[in-house]
Amino acid sequence: MPRAQSNGIELEWDDFGSTSDPPLLLIMGFSAQMIAWDERFCQQIADEGFHVIRFDNRDVGLSSRVTEPAYTLDDMADDAAGLLDALGIDKAHIVGASMGGMIAQLFAIRHPQKTLSLCSIMSTTGNPEVGQATPEAIEALLQPRPTTREEAIERGEQVGRIISSKTLFDADKARRNAAIAFDRANDPDGVARQLQAIMAQTARESDLANVKVPTLVIHGKGDPLVTLSGGEATAKAIPGAELLVLDEMGHDLPEPLWPEIVGAIVKNARSAS
């Protein structure tokens, strides 16, 4: 996979579809590598006529480790903008999940000239009064990071059972994905630095009020990690934003819901043109 110079660091990335199609940038969440955007999910969007790009955020996967100074989600939004510059892309549809949704929101705020449309999935506004995790989900998130492959596989299933869809969770897939991610890259220190960036975020409602592009907010009704009020607040803050609440979705992108999720993303992006 290729790497690109961006914002003073290097980002690992890959893509799907034709470079002649409108670009759509996928931003993944806390501690998750770009492979958490399943290749088949990416291809489904590409098959609808988009050039889909995914990448490893700083401090995970195969992108640069940034040990000092402490960075913010604003810096991570600038990373994404720098990646587009490195790829010679002026504007893109921006889609982010969880922490990636926070970064996507900041991308639209900080780089409106590069933003064609915005989709924020299972995320929140930075306001501590909304979207707060349940105690069980917080405990799962803050467990010590695995140091062996076997620990990673067990933790992948354990955390998935807590935060994912209660009816659509696939334990075998969670274990497979955890093993693949561990084999590709494992850096507990980098994950801790990402968590610091999340904890340092401030409320964005006033800035989100200035977002002018077509916006879609997708949230799971049963999300225990970023509860539904976070998605509701995001949609309320952005003028004209559409809120799609999926009853069976937790803090995950379960494969049976891909047709509805992909369809909504594609519809929102097409509305920008």
C-alpha atoms as a PDB file:
ATOM      1  CA  MET A   1       0.000   0.000   0.000  1.00  0.00           C
ATOM      2  CA  PRO A   2       1.215   3.559  -0.694  1.00  0.00           C
ATOM      3  CA  ARG A   3       2.189   6.264   1.787  1.00  0.00           C
ATOM      4  CA  ALA A   4       1.759  10.008   1.417  1.00  0.00           C
ATOM      5  CA  GLN A   5       3.407  13.007   3.044  1.00  0.00           C
ATOM      6  CA  SER A   6       0.781  14.990   4.953  1.00  0.00           C
ATOM      7  CA  ASN A   7       0.947  17.684   7.619  1.00  0.00           C
ATOM      8  CA  GLY A   8       4.549  16.797   8.483  1.00  0.00           C
ATOM      9  CA  ILE A   9       3.923  13.043   8.827  1.00  0.00           C
ATOM     10  CA  GLU A  10       3.335  10.020   6.587  1.00  0.00           C
ATOM     11  CA  LEU A  11      -0.067   8.395   6.137  1.00  0.00           C
ATOM     12  CA  GLU A  12      -0.684   4.917   4.796  1.00  0.00           C
ATOM     13  CA  TRP A  13      -3.642   4.822   2.393  1.00  0.00           C
ATOM     14  CA  ASP A  14      -5.331   2.867  -0.349  1.00  0.00           C
ATOM     15  CA  ASP A  15      -8.300   3.339  -2.632  1.00  0.00           C
ATOM     16  CA  PHE A  16     -11.156   1.717  -4.529  1.00  0.00           C
ATOM     17  CA  GLY A  17     -12.826   2.609  -7.807  1.00  0.00           C
ATOM     18  CA  SER A  18     -11.821   4.965 -10.570  1.00  0.00           C
ATOM     19  CA  THR A  19      -9.771   8.088  -9.903  1.00  0.00           C
ATOM     20  CA  SER A  20     -11.999   9.834 -12.445  1.00  0.00           C
ATOM     21  CA  ASP A  21     -15.000   9.478 -10.116  1.00  0.00           C
ATOM     22  CA  PRO A  22     -15.833  11.958  -7.323  1.00  0.00           C
ATOM     23  CA  PRO A  23     -13.506  11.327  -4.338  1.00  0.00           C
ATOM     24  CA  LEU A  24     -14.920  10.112  -1.032  1.00  0.00           C
ATOM     25  CA  LEU A  25     -12.622  10.015   2.004  1.00  0.00           C
ATOM     26  CA  LEU A  26     -13.254   7.532   4.838  1.00  0.00           C
ATOM     27  CA  ILE A  27     -11.894   8.415   8.306  1.00  0.00           C
ATOM     28  CA  MET A  28     -11.834   5.630  10.897  1.00  0.00           C
ATOM     29  CA  GLY A  29     -12.225   5.919  14.659  1.00  0.00           C
ATOM     30  CA  PHE A  30     -10.271   5.558  17.865  1.00  0.00           C
ATOM     31  CA  SER A  31      -7.533   2.905  17.809  1.00  0.00           C
ATOM     32  CA  ALA A  32      -8.907   1.440  14.566  1.00  0.00           C
ATOM     33  CA  GLN A  33      -6.853   0.993  11.437  1.00  0.00           C
ATOM     34  CA  MET A  34      -8.114   1.802   7.969  1.00  0.00           C
ATOM     35  CA  ILE A  35      -8.851  -1.896   7.429  1.00  0.00           C
ATOM     36  CA  ALA A  36     -11.762  -1.454   9.848  1.00  0.00           C
ATOM     37  CA  TRP A  37     -13.460  -0.034   6.739  1.00  0.00           C
ATOM     38  CA  ASP A  38     -14.145  -3.459   5.238  1.00  0.00           C
ATOM     39  CA  GLU A  39     -12.908  -3.776   1.641  1.00  0.00           C
ATOM     40  CA  ARG A  40     -16.335  -4.959   0.505  1.00  0.00           C
ATOM     41  CA  PHE A  41     -18.010  -1.971   2.179  1.00  0.00           C
ATOM     42  CA  CYS A  42     -15.584   0.339   0.388  1.00  0.00           C
ATOM     43  CA  GLN A  43     -16.167  -1.424  -2.899  1.00  0.00           C
ATOM     44  CA  GLN A  44     -19.934  -1.084  -2.561  1.00  0.00           C
ATOM     45  CA  ILE A  45     -19.529   2.691  -2.348  1.00  0.00           C
ATOM     46  CA  ALA A  46     -17.054   2.666  -5.243  1.00  0.00           C
ATOM     47  CA  ASP A  47     -19.533   0.654  -7.332  1.00  0.00           C
ATOM     48  CA  GLU A  48     -21.946   3.577  -6.971  1.00  0.00           C
ATOM     49  CA  GLY A  49     -19.501   5.814  -8.844  1.00  0.00           C
ATOM     50  CA  PHE A  50     -17.093   7.138  -6.213  1.00  0.00           C
ATOM     51  CA  HIS A  51     -13.323   7.077  -5.813  1.00  0.00           C
ATOM     52  CA  VAL A  52     -13.119   5.763  -2.245  1.00  0.00           C
ATOM     53  CA  ILE A  53      -9.999   6.497  -0.184  1.00  0.00           C
ATOM     54  CA  ARG A  54      -9.242   5.109   3.273  1.00  0.00           C
ATOM     55  CA  PHE A  55      -6.159   5.700   5.416  1.00  0.00           C
ATOM     56  CA  ASP A  56      -4.517   4.984   8.748  1.00  0.00           C
ATOM     57  CA  ASN A  57      -4.790   7.896  11.153  1.00  0.00           C
ATOM     58  CA  ARG A  58      -1.573   8.978  12.848  1.00  0.00           C
ATOM     59  CA  ASP A  59      -0.431   6.608  15.594  1.00  0.00           C
ATOM     60  CA  VAL A  60      -2.231   3.505  14.282  1.00  0.00           C
ATOM     61  CA  GLY A  61      -1.651   1.025  11.503  1.00  0.00           C
ATOM     62  CA  LEU A  62       1.248   1.833   9.214  1.00  0.00           C
ATOM     63  CA  SER A  63       1.103   5.641   9.474  1.00  0.00           C
ATOM     64  CA  SER A  64       3.611   7.752  11.407  1.00  0.00           C
ATOM     65  CA  ARG A  65       3.922   7.619  15.170  1.00  0.00           C
ATOM     66  CA  VAL A  66       3.760  11.090  16.713  1.00  0.00           C
ATOM     67  CA  THR A  67       5.248  10.947  20.191  1.00  0.00           C
ATOM     68  CA  GLU A  68       5.475  14.684  20.921  1.00  0.00           C
ATOM     69  CA  PRO A  69       4.148  17.239  21.335  1.00  0.00           C
ATOM     70  CA  ALA A  70       0.596  16.257  22.235  1.00  0.00           C
ATOM     71  CA  TYR A  71      -1.759  16.658  19.300  1.00  0.00           C
ATOM     72  CA  THR A  72      -5.467  17.353  18.883  1.00  0.00           C
ATOM     73  CA  LEU A  73      -8.309  16.183  16.689  1.00  0.00           C
ATOM     74  CA  ASP A  74      -7.785  19.432  14.761  1.00  0.00           C
ATOM     75  CA  ASP A  75      -4.332  18.159  13.829  1.00  0.00           C
ATOM     76  CA  MET A  76      -5.869  14.894  12.685  1.00  0.00           C
ATOM     77  CA  ALA A  77      -8.367  16.770  10.525  1.00  0.00           C
ATOM     78  CA  ASP A  78      -5.447  18.624   8.977  1.00  0.00           C
ATOM     79  CA  ASP A  79      -3.783  15.246   8.345  1.00  0.00           C
ATOM     80  CA  ALA A  80      -6.793  14.234   6.265  1.00  0.00           C
ATOM     81  CA  ALA A  81      -6.749  17.514   4.360  1.00  0.00           C
ATOM     82  CA  GLY A  82      -3.040  17.095   3.706  1.00  0.00           C
ATOM     83  CA  LEU A  83      -3.653  13.613   2.321  1.00  0.00           C
ATOM     84  CA  LEU A  84      -6.064  15.051  -0.238  1.00  0.00           C
ATOM     85  CA  ASP A  85      -3.428  17.622  -1.191  1.00  0.00           C
ATOM     86  CA  ALA A  86      -0.817  14.891  -1.579  1.00  0.00           C
ATOM     87  CA  LEU A  87      -3.171  12.968  -3.863  1.00  0.00           C
ATOM     88  CA  GLY A  88      -3.914  16.043  -5.960  1.00  0.00           C
ATOM     89  CA  ILE A  89      -7.566  16.145  -4.860  1.00  0.00           C
ATOM     90  CA  ASP A  90      -9.141  19.573  -4.389  1.00  0.00           C
ATOM     91  CA  LYS A  91     -12.417  18.498  -2.766  1.00  0.00           C
ATOM     92  CA  ALA A  92     -13.961  15.297  -1.442  1.00  0.00           C
ATOM     93  CA  HIS A  93     -17.001  13.851   0.250  1.00  0.00           C
ATOM     94  CA  ILE A  94     -15.965  13.312   3.881  1.00  0.00           C
ATOM     95  CA  VAL A  95     -17.222  10.319   5.882  1.00  0.00           C
ATOM     96  CA  GLY A  96     -16.078   9.518   9.420  1.00  0.00           C
ATOM     97  CA  ALA A  97     -17.010   6.947  12.059  1.00  0.00           C
ATOM     98  CA  SER A  98     -16.787   7.456  15.846  1.00  0.00           C
ATOM     99  CA  MET A  99     -13.586   9.469  16.492  1.00  0.00           C
ATOM    100  CA  GLY A 100     -13.421   9.624  12.704  1.00  0.00           C
ATOM    101  CA  GLY A 101     -16.797  11.367  12.769  1.00  0.00           C
ATOM    102  CA  MET A 102     -15.347  13.980  15.119  1.00  0.00           C
ATOM    103  CA  ILE A 103     -12.414  14.416  12.733  1.00  0.00           C
ATOM    104  CA  ALA A 104     -14.781  14.613   9.756  1.00  0.00           C
ATOM    105  CA  GLN A 105     -16.769  17.364  11.483  1.00  0.00           C
ATOM    106  CA  LEU A 106     -13.566  19.285  12.142  1.00  0.00           C
ATOM    107  CA  PHE A 107     -12.496  18.747   8.538  1.00  0.00           C
ATOM    108  CA  ALA A 108     -15.717  20.418   7.356  1.00  0.00           C
ATOM    109  CA  ILE A 109     -15.203  23.258   9.861  1.00  0.00           C
ATOM    110  CA  ARG A 110     -11.500  23.843   9.151  1.00  0.00           C
ATOM    111  CA  HIS A 111     -11.470  23.028   5.422  1.00  0.00           C
ATOM    112  CA  PRO A 112     -14.877  23.988   3.997  1.00  0.00           C
ATOM    113  CA  GLN A 113     -13.347  24.604   0.568  1.00  0.00           C
ATOM    114  CA  LYS A 114     -12.290  20.942   0.450  1.00  0.00           C
ATOM    115  CA  THR A 115     -15.621  19.526   1.659  1.00  0.00           C
ATOM    116  CA  LEU A 116     -18.275  18.420  -0.841  1.00  0.00           C
ATOM    117  CA  SER A 117     -20.507  16.682   1.695  1.00  0.00           C
ATOM    118  CA  LEU A 118     -20.249  15.390   5.256  1.00  0.00           C
ATOM    119  CA  CYS A 119     -21.341  12.135   6.871  1.00  0.00           C
ATOM    120  CA  SER A 120     -20.805  11.650  10.622  1.00  0.00           C
ATOM    121  CA  ILE A 121     -21.408   8.088  11.844  1.00  0.00           C
ATOM    122  CA  MET A 122     -21.839   7.036  15.523  1.00  0.00           C
ATOM    123  CA  SER A 123     -20.162  10.240  16.700  1.00  0.00           C
ATOM    124  CA  THR A 124     -20.823  13.395  18.718  1.00  0.00           C
ATOM    125  CA  THR A 125     -20.149  17.127  18.951  1.00  0.00           C
ATOM    126  CA  GLY A 126     -17.559  17.281  21.731  1.00  0.00           C
ATOM    127  CA  ASN A 127     -20.180  18.572  24.160  1.00  0.00           C
ATOM    128  CA  PRO A 128     -19.734  16.516  27.366  1.00  0.00           C
ATOM    129  CA  GLU A 129     -23.459  16.668  28.040  1.00  0.00           C
ATOM    130  CA  VAL A 130     -24.343  14.434  25.075  1.00  0.00           C
ATOM    131  CA  GLY A 131     -23.251  11.088  23.700  1.00  0.00           C
ATOM    132  CA  GLN A 132     -21.718   9.854  26.936  1.00  0.00           C
ATOM    133  CA  ALA A 133     -20.810   6.166  27.098  1.00  0.00           C
ATOM    134  CA  THR A 134     -22.384   3.691  29.463  1.00  0.00           C
ATOM    135  CA  PRO A 135     -20.188   2.544  32.378  1.00  0.00           C
ATOM    136  CA  GLU A 136     -19.827  -0.916  30.806  1.00  0.00           C
ATOM    137  CA  ALA A 137     -18.696   0.553  27.487  1.00  0.00           C
ATOM    138  CA  ILE A 138     -16.182   2.864  29.186  1.00  0.00           C
ATOM    139  CA  GLU A 139     -14.740  -0.066  31.098  1.00  0.00           C
ATOM    140  CA  ALA A 140     -14.377  -2.046  27.870  1.00  0.00           C
ATOM    141  CA  LEU A 141     -12.720   0.865  26.071  1.00  0.00           C
ATOM    142  CA  LEU A 142     -10.192   1.511  28.831  1.00  0.00           C
ATOM    143  CA  GLN A 143      -9.006  -2.041  29.338  1.00  0.00           C
ATOM    144  CA  PRO A 144      -5.232  -2.518  29.015  1.00  0.00           C
ATOM    145  CA  ARG A 145      -4.240  -2.915  25.382  1.00  0.00           C
ATOM    146  CA  PRO A 146      -3.403  -6.484  24.309  1.00  0.00           C
ATOM    147  CA  THR A 147       0.258  -7.405  24.061  1.00  0.00           C
ATOM    148  CA  THR A 148      -0.138 -10.806  22.391  1.00  0.00           C
ATOM    149  CA  ARG A 149      -2.088 -12.012  19.385  1.00  0.00           C
ATOM    150  CA  GLU A 150      -4.220 -14.279  21.542  1.00  0.00           C
ATOM    151  CA  GLU A 151      -5.098 -11.415  23.891  1.00  0.00           C
ATOM    152  CA  ALA A 152      -6.014  -9.236  20.916  1.00  0.00           C
ATOM    153  CA  ILE A 153      -8.363 -11.874  19.526  1.00  0.00           C
ATOM    154  CA  GLU A 154     -10.097 -12.422  22.876  1.00  0.00           C
ATOM    155  CA  ARG A 155     -10.386  -8.693  23.517  1.00  0.00           C
ATOM    156  CA  GLY A 156     -11.770  -8.091  20.026  1.00  0.00           C
ATOM    157  CA  GLU A 157     -14.639 -10.444  20.707  1.00  0.00           C
ATOM    158  CA  GLN A 158     -15.171  -9.266  24.285  1.00  0.00           C
ATOM    159  CA  VAL A 159     -15.323  -5.569  23.432  1.00  0.00           C
ATOM    160  CA  GLY A 160     -17.409  -6.275  20.345  1.00  0.00           C
ATOM    161  CA  ARG A 161     -20.034  -8.042  22.411  1.00  0.00           C
ATOM    162  CA  ILE A 162     -20.301  -4.999  24.670  1.00  0.00           C
ATOM    163  CA  ILE A 163     -20.373  -2.148  22.165  1.00  0.00           C
ATOM    164  CA  SER A 164     -21.686  -3.706  18.938  1.00  0.00           C
ATOM    165  CA  SER A 165     -25.180  -4.532  17.736  1.00  0.00           C
ATOM    166  CA  LYS A 166     -26.901  -6.893  20.142  1.00  0.00           C
ATOM    167  CA  THR A 167     -28.657  -8.781  17.344  1.00  0.00           C
ATOM    168  CA  LEU A 168     -26.179  -8.573  14.439  1.00  0.00           C
ATOM    169  CA  PHE A 169     -22.823  -9.064  16.175  1.00  0.00           C
ATOM    170  CA  ASP A 170     -20.596 -11.608  14.393  1.00  0.00           C
ATOM    171  CA  ALA A 171     -18.146 -13.056  16.938  1.00  0.00           C
ATOM    172  CA  ASP A 172     -16.135 -15.009  14.373  1.00  0.00           C
ATOM    173  CA  LYS A 173     -15.665 -11.901  12.241  1.00  0.00           C
ATOM    174  CA  ALA A 174     -14.660  -9.867  15.298  1.00  0.00           C
ATOM    175  CA  ARG A 175     -11.993 -12.426  16.178  1.00  0.00           C
ATOM    176  CA  ARG A 176     -10.711 -12.585  12.580  1.00  0.00           C
ATOM    177  CA  ASN A 177     -10.510  -8.830  12.289  1.00  0.00           C
ATOM    178  CA  ALA A 178      -8.718  -8.512  15.641  1.00  0.00           C
ATOM    179  CA  ALA A 179      -6.091 -11.013  14.516  1.00  0.00           C
ATOM    180  CA  ILE A 180      -5.563  -9.247  11.186  1.00  0.00           C
ATOM    181  CA  ALA A 181      -5.229  -5.852  12.879  1.00  0.00           C
ATOM    182  CA  PHE A 182      -2.745  -7.187  15.453  1.00  0.00           C
ATOM    183  CA  ASP A 183      -0.613  -8.807  12.762  1.00  0.00           C
ATOM    184  CA  ARG A 184      -0.599  -5.596  10.734  1.00  0.00           C
ATOM    185  CA  ALA A 185       0.326  -3.234  13.579  1.00  0.00           C
ATOM    186  CA  ASN A 186      -0.018  -3.054  17.366  1.00  0.00           C
ATOM    187  CA  ASP A 187       0.995   0.071  19.283  1.00  0.00           C
ATOM    188  CA  PRO A 188      -0.651   0.660  22.688  1.00  0.00           C
ATOM    189  CA  ASP A 189       1.277   3.917  23.179  1.00  0.00           C
ATOM    190  CA  GLY A 190      -0.088   5.356  19.945  1.00  0.00           C
ATOM    191  CA  VAL A 191      -3.616   4.433  20.971  1.00  0.00           C
ATOM    192  CA  ALA A 192      -3.113   6.238  24.297  1.00  0.00           C
ATOM    193  CA  ARG A 193      -2.084   9.403  22.444  1.00  0.00           C
ATOM    194  CA  GLN A 194      -5.227   9.225  20.306  1.00  0.00           C
ATOM    195  CA  LEU A 195      -7.313   8.937  23.465  1.00  0.00           C
ATOM    196  CA  GLN A 196      -5.663  12.085  24.820  1.00  0.00           C
ATOM    197  CA  ALA A 197      -6.684  13.913  21.651  1.00  0.00           C
ATOM    198  CA  ILE A 198     -10.293  12.815  22.135  1.00  0.00           C
ATOM    199  CA  MET A 199     -10.303  13.859  25.782  1.00  0.00           C
ATOM    200  CA  ALA A 200      -8.958  17.298  24.863  1.00  0.00           C
ATOM    201  CA  GLN A 201     -11.715  18.102  22.377  1.00  0.00           C
ATOM    202  CA  THR A 202     -14.099  20.973  23.003  1.00  0.00           C
ATOM    203  CA  ALA A 203     -17.729  21.467  21.990  1.00  0.00           C
ATOM    204  CA  ARG A 204     -18.202  22.202  18.284  1.00  0.00           C
ATOM    205  CA  GLU A 205     -21.887  23.180  18.056  1.00  0.00           C
ATOM    206  CA  SER A 206     -21.264  26.841  17.248  1.00  0.00           C
ATOM    207  CA  ASP A 207     -18.761  25.960  14.527  1.00  0.00           C
ATOM    208  CA  LEU A 208     -20.971  23.189  13.140  1.00  0.00           C
ATOM    209  CA  ALA A 209     -23.696  25.793  12.645  1.00  0.00           C
ATOM    210  CA  ASN A 210     -21.538  27.212   9.854  1.00  0.00           C
ATOM    211  CA  VAL A 211     -21.291  23.939   7.894  1.00  0.00           C
ATOM    212  CA  LYS A 212     -23.090  24.529   4.598  1.00  0.00           C
ATOM    213  CA  VAL A 213     -22.653  21.239   2.732  1.00  0.00           C
ATOM    214  CA  PRO A 214     -25.186  18.385   2.605  1.00  0.00           C
ATOM    215  CA  THR A 215     -24.803  16.480   5.862  1.00  0.00           C
ATOM    216  CA  LEU A 216     -25.916  13.044   6.984  1.00  0.00           C
ATOM    217  CA  VAL A 217     -25.698  11.797  10.571  1.00  0.00           C
ATOM    218  CA  ILE A 218     -25.989   8.025  11.088  1.00  0.00           C
ATOM    219  CA  HIS A 219     -26.348   6.560  14.568  1.00  0.00           C
ATOM    220  CA  GLY A 220     -27.311   3.289  16.181  1.00  0.00           C
ATOM    221  CA  LYS A 221     -30.237   3.417  18.554  1.00  0.00           C
ATOM    222  CA  GLY A 222     -28.452   1.010  20.884  1.00  0.00           C
ATOM    223  CA  ASP A 223     -24.952   2.502  20.719  1.00  0.00           C
ATOM    224  CA  PRO A 224     -23.490   2.250  24.245  1.00  0.00           C
ATOM    225  CA  LEU A 225     -20.116   3.869  23.485  1.00  0.00           C
ATOM    226  CA  VAL A 226     -21.381   7.095  21.896  1.00  0.00           C
ATOM    227  CA  THR A 227     -25.013   7.147  22.890  1.00  0.00           C
ATOM    228  CA  LEU A 228     -27.727   8.397  20.548  1.00  0.00           C
ATOM    229  CA  SER A 229     -27.886  11.895  22.042  1.00  0.00           C
ATOM    230  CA  GLY A 230     -24.475  12.537  20.455  1.00  0.00           C
ATOM    231  CA  GLY A 231     -25.808  11.889  16.983  1.00  0.00           C
ATOM    232  CA  GLU A 232     -28.978  13.842  17.681  1.00  0.00           C
ATOM    233  CA  ALA A 233     -26.929  16.830  18.855  1.00  0.00           C
ATOM    234  CA  THR A 234     -24.727  16.638  15.755  1.00  0.00           C
ATOM    235  CA  ALA A 235     -27.713  16.682  13.413  1.00  0.00           C
ATOM    236  CA  LYS A 236     -29.334  19.513  15.368  1.00  0.00           C
ATOM    237  CA  ALA A 237     -26.166  21.630  15.209  1.00  0.00           C
ATOM    238  CA  ILE A 238     -25.725  21.467  11.416  1.00  0.00           C
ATOM    239  CA  PRO A 239     -28.340  23.349   9.362  1.00  0.00           C
ATOM    240  CA  GLY A 240     -30.355  20.990   7.184  1.00  0.00           C
ATOM    241  CA  ALA A 241     -28.605  17.835   8.397  1.00  0.00           C
ATOM    242  CA  GLU A 242     -30.446  14.536   8.040  1.00  0.00           C
ATOM    243  CA  LEU A 243     -30.441  12.089  10.969  1.00  0.00           C
ATOM    244  CA  LEU A 244     -30.690   8.377  10.208  1.00  0.00           C
ATOM    245  CA  VAL A 245     -31.214   6.237  13.324  1.00  0.00           C
ATOM    246  CA  LEU A 246     -30.791   2.494  12.815  1.00  0.00           C
ATOM    247  CA  ASP A 247     -32.616   0.435  15.425  1.00  0.00           C
ATOM    248  CA  GLU A 248     -30.362  -2.643  15.178  1.00  0.00           C
ATOM    249  CA  MET A 249     -27.019  -0.808  15.109  1.00  0.00           C
ATOM    250  CA  GLY A 250     -24.703  -0.401  18.086  1.00  0.00           C
ATOM    251  CA  HIS A 251     -21.215   1.073  17.888  1.00  0.00           C
ATOM    252  CA  ASP A 252     -20.357  -0.825  14.739  1.00  0.00           C
ATOM    253  CA  LEU A 253     -21.110  -1.189  11.044  1.00  0.00           C
ATOM    254  CA  PRO A 254     -22.821  -4.591  10.897  1.00  0.00           C
ATOM    255  CA  GLU A 255     -22.791  -6.151   7.445  1.00  0.00           C
ATOM    256  CA  PRO A 256     -26.564  -6.727   7.217  1.00  0.00           C
ATOM    257  CA  LEU A 257     -27.019  -2.941   7.490  1.00  0.00           C
ATOM    258  CA  TRP A 258     -24.485  -2.080   4.774  1.00  0.00           C
ATOM    259  CA  PRO A 259     -27.106  -1.636   2.025  1.00  0.00           C
ATOM    260  CA  GLU A 260     -28.952   0.969   4.097  1.00  0.00           C
ATOM    261  CA  ILE A 261     -25.764   2.691   5.294  1.00  0.00           C
ATOM    262  CA  VAL A 262     -24.120   2.747   1.861  1.00  0.00           C
ATOM    263  CA  GLY A 263     -27.357   3.873   0.239  1.00  0.00           C
ATOM    264  CA  ALA A 264     -27.692   6.782   2.672  1.00  0.00           C
ATOM    265  CA  ILE A 265     -24.035   7.834   2.220  1.00  0.00           C
ATOM    266  CA  VAL A 266     -24.370   7.724  -1.567  1.00  0.00           C
ATOM    267  CA  LYS A 267     -27.663   9.647  -1.527  1.00  0.00           C
ATOM    268  CA  ASN A 268     -26.168  12.388   0.655  1.00  0.00           C
ATOM    269  CA  ALA A 269     -23.038  12.667  -1.501  1.00  0.00           C
ATOM    270  CA  ARG A 270     -25.047  12.824  -4.721  1.00  0.00           C
ATOM    271  CA  SER A 271     -27.181  15.607  -3.279  1.00  0.00           C
ATOM    272  CA  ALA A 272     -24.060  17.783  -3.207  1.00  0.00           C
ATOM    273  CA  SER A 273     -23.958  17.850  -7.000  1.00  0.00           C
END
